[in-house]
Protein backbone atom coordinates (compact mmCIF):
# COMPACT_ATOMS: atom_id res chain seq x y z
CA UNK A 1 18.40 -2.36 -16.87
CA UNK A 2 18.14 0.39 -14.29
CA UNK A 3 20.64 0.67 -11.46
CA UNK A 4 19.59 2.32 -8.23
CA UNK A 5 21.76 3.16 -5.27
CA UNK A 6 20.44 3.59 -1.74
CA UNK A 7 22.06 4.84 1.45
CA UNK A 8 20.61 3.29 4.58
CA UNK A 9 21.16 4.71 8.03
CA UNK A 10 22.20 1.90 10.33
CA UNK A 11 21.38 1.96 14.04
CA UNK A 12 25.01 2.78 14.88
CA UNK A 13 24.85 5.95 12.71
CA UNK A 14 26.97 4.54 9.89
CA UNK A 15 25.79 4.74 6.32
CA UNK A 16 25.65 1.56 4.25
CA UNK A 17 25.35 1.60 0.48
CA UNK A 18 24.04 -1.17 -1.71
CA UNK A 19 22.85 -1.42 -5.31
CA UNK A 20 19.61 -2.75 -6.74
CA UNK A 21 19.14 -3.82 -10.34
CA UNK A 22 15.70 -3.68 -11.95
CA UNK A 23 14.62 -5.25 -15.21
CA UNK A 24 11.51 -4.83 -17.30
CA UNK A 25 8.40 -6.76 -16.28
CA UNK A 26 9.12 -9.57 -18.75
CA UNK A 27 12.73 -9.98 -17.61
CA UNK A 28 14.28 -8.60 -20.81
CA UNK A 29 16.82 -5.82 -20.12
CA UNK A 30 16.15 -2.45 -21.70
CA UNK A 31 17.94 -2.03 -25.05
CA UNK A 32 17.97 1.77 -25.05
CA UNK A 33 21.12 3.57 -24.01
CA UNK A 34 21.25 6.12 -21.22
CA UNK A 35 19.54 6.16 -17.90
CA UNK A 36 16.24 4.34 -17.80
CA UNK A 37 15.29 6.42 -14.78
CA UNK A 38 15.57 9.74 -16.59
CA UNK A 39 13.29 8.72 -19.49
CA UNK A 40 9.56 8.20 -19.29
CA UNK A 41 8.95 4.61 -20.28
CA UNK A 42 5.19 4.69 -19.78
CA UNK A 43 5.43 1.37 -17.93
CA UNK A 44 3.77 0.32 -14.75
CA UNK A 45 5.08 0.39 -11.21
CA UNK A 46 8.55 -0.89 -10.42
CA UNK A 47 8.74 -3.76 -7.96
CA UNK A 48 11.96 -4.22 -6.02
CA UNK A 49 12.79 -7.30 -4.01
CA UNK A 50 14.76 -6.42 -0.88
CA UNK A 51 16.14 -8.83 1.69
CA UNK A 52 14.21 -8.47 4.94
CA UNK A 53 17.38 -7.62 6.86
CA UNK A 54 17.75 -4.47 4.70
CA UNK A 55 14.34 -3.09 5.77
CA UNK A 56 14.37 -0.97 8.91
CA UNK A 57 11.55 0.63 10.89
CA UNK A 58 11.66 4.45 10.77
CA UNK A 59 13.02 5.60 14.12
CA UNK A 60 10.80 8.67 14.52
CA UNK A 61 7.57 7.18 13.16
CA UNK A 62 6.84 4.28 15.44
CA UNK A 63 3.43 3.96 17.05
CA UNK A 64 2.60 2.43 20.36
CA UNK A 65 -0.49 2.31 22.54
CA UNK A 66 -0.58 3.24 26.20
CA UNK A 67 -1.57 -0.01 27.95
CA UNK A 68 -3.66 1.87 30.55
CA UNK A 69 -5.65 3.71 27.86
CA UNK A 70 -6.26 0.44 26.00
CA UNK A 71 -7.51 -1.15 29.23
CA UNK A 72 -9.80 1.86 29.87
CA UNK A 73 -11.22 1.52 26.37
CA UNK A 74 -11.81 -2.21 26.85
CA UNK A 75 -13.58 -1.56 30.15
CA UNK A 76 -15.75 1.14 28.58
CA UNK A 77 -16.77 -1.12 25.70
CA UNK A 78 -17.56 -3.92 28.15
CA UNK A 79 -19.84 -1.64 30.24
CA UNK A 80 -21.43 0.61 27.58
CA UNK A 81 -20.95 -1.42 24.41
CA UNK A 82 -19.45 -0.35 21.14
CA UNK A 83 -20.87 3.04 20.16
CA UNK A 84 -21.25 4.01 16.51
CA UNK A 85 -21.73 7.59 15.37
């Protein structure tokens, strides 16, 4: 069983730490000793289940559209039609 530790930056600039445990795809814990993360197991991707309240949107990578530009685009498509290259 692999143990991972994450530090999440909360909105009030405090760090929170929690642990995640991962098992093999068939649910049987790994029998080898040592860190499962440092050895190549040749397995597939690791899937982690996180509670939704632990997932945060990146603060500096949010996208938004300018409402005026969206309206201009809608008006243009209405008048000219959708143009394809």
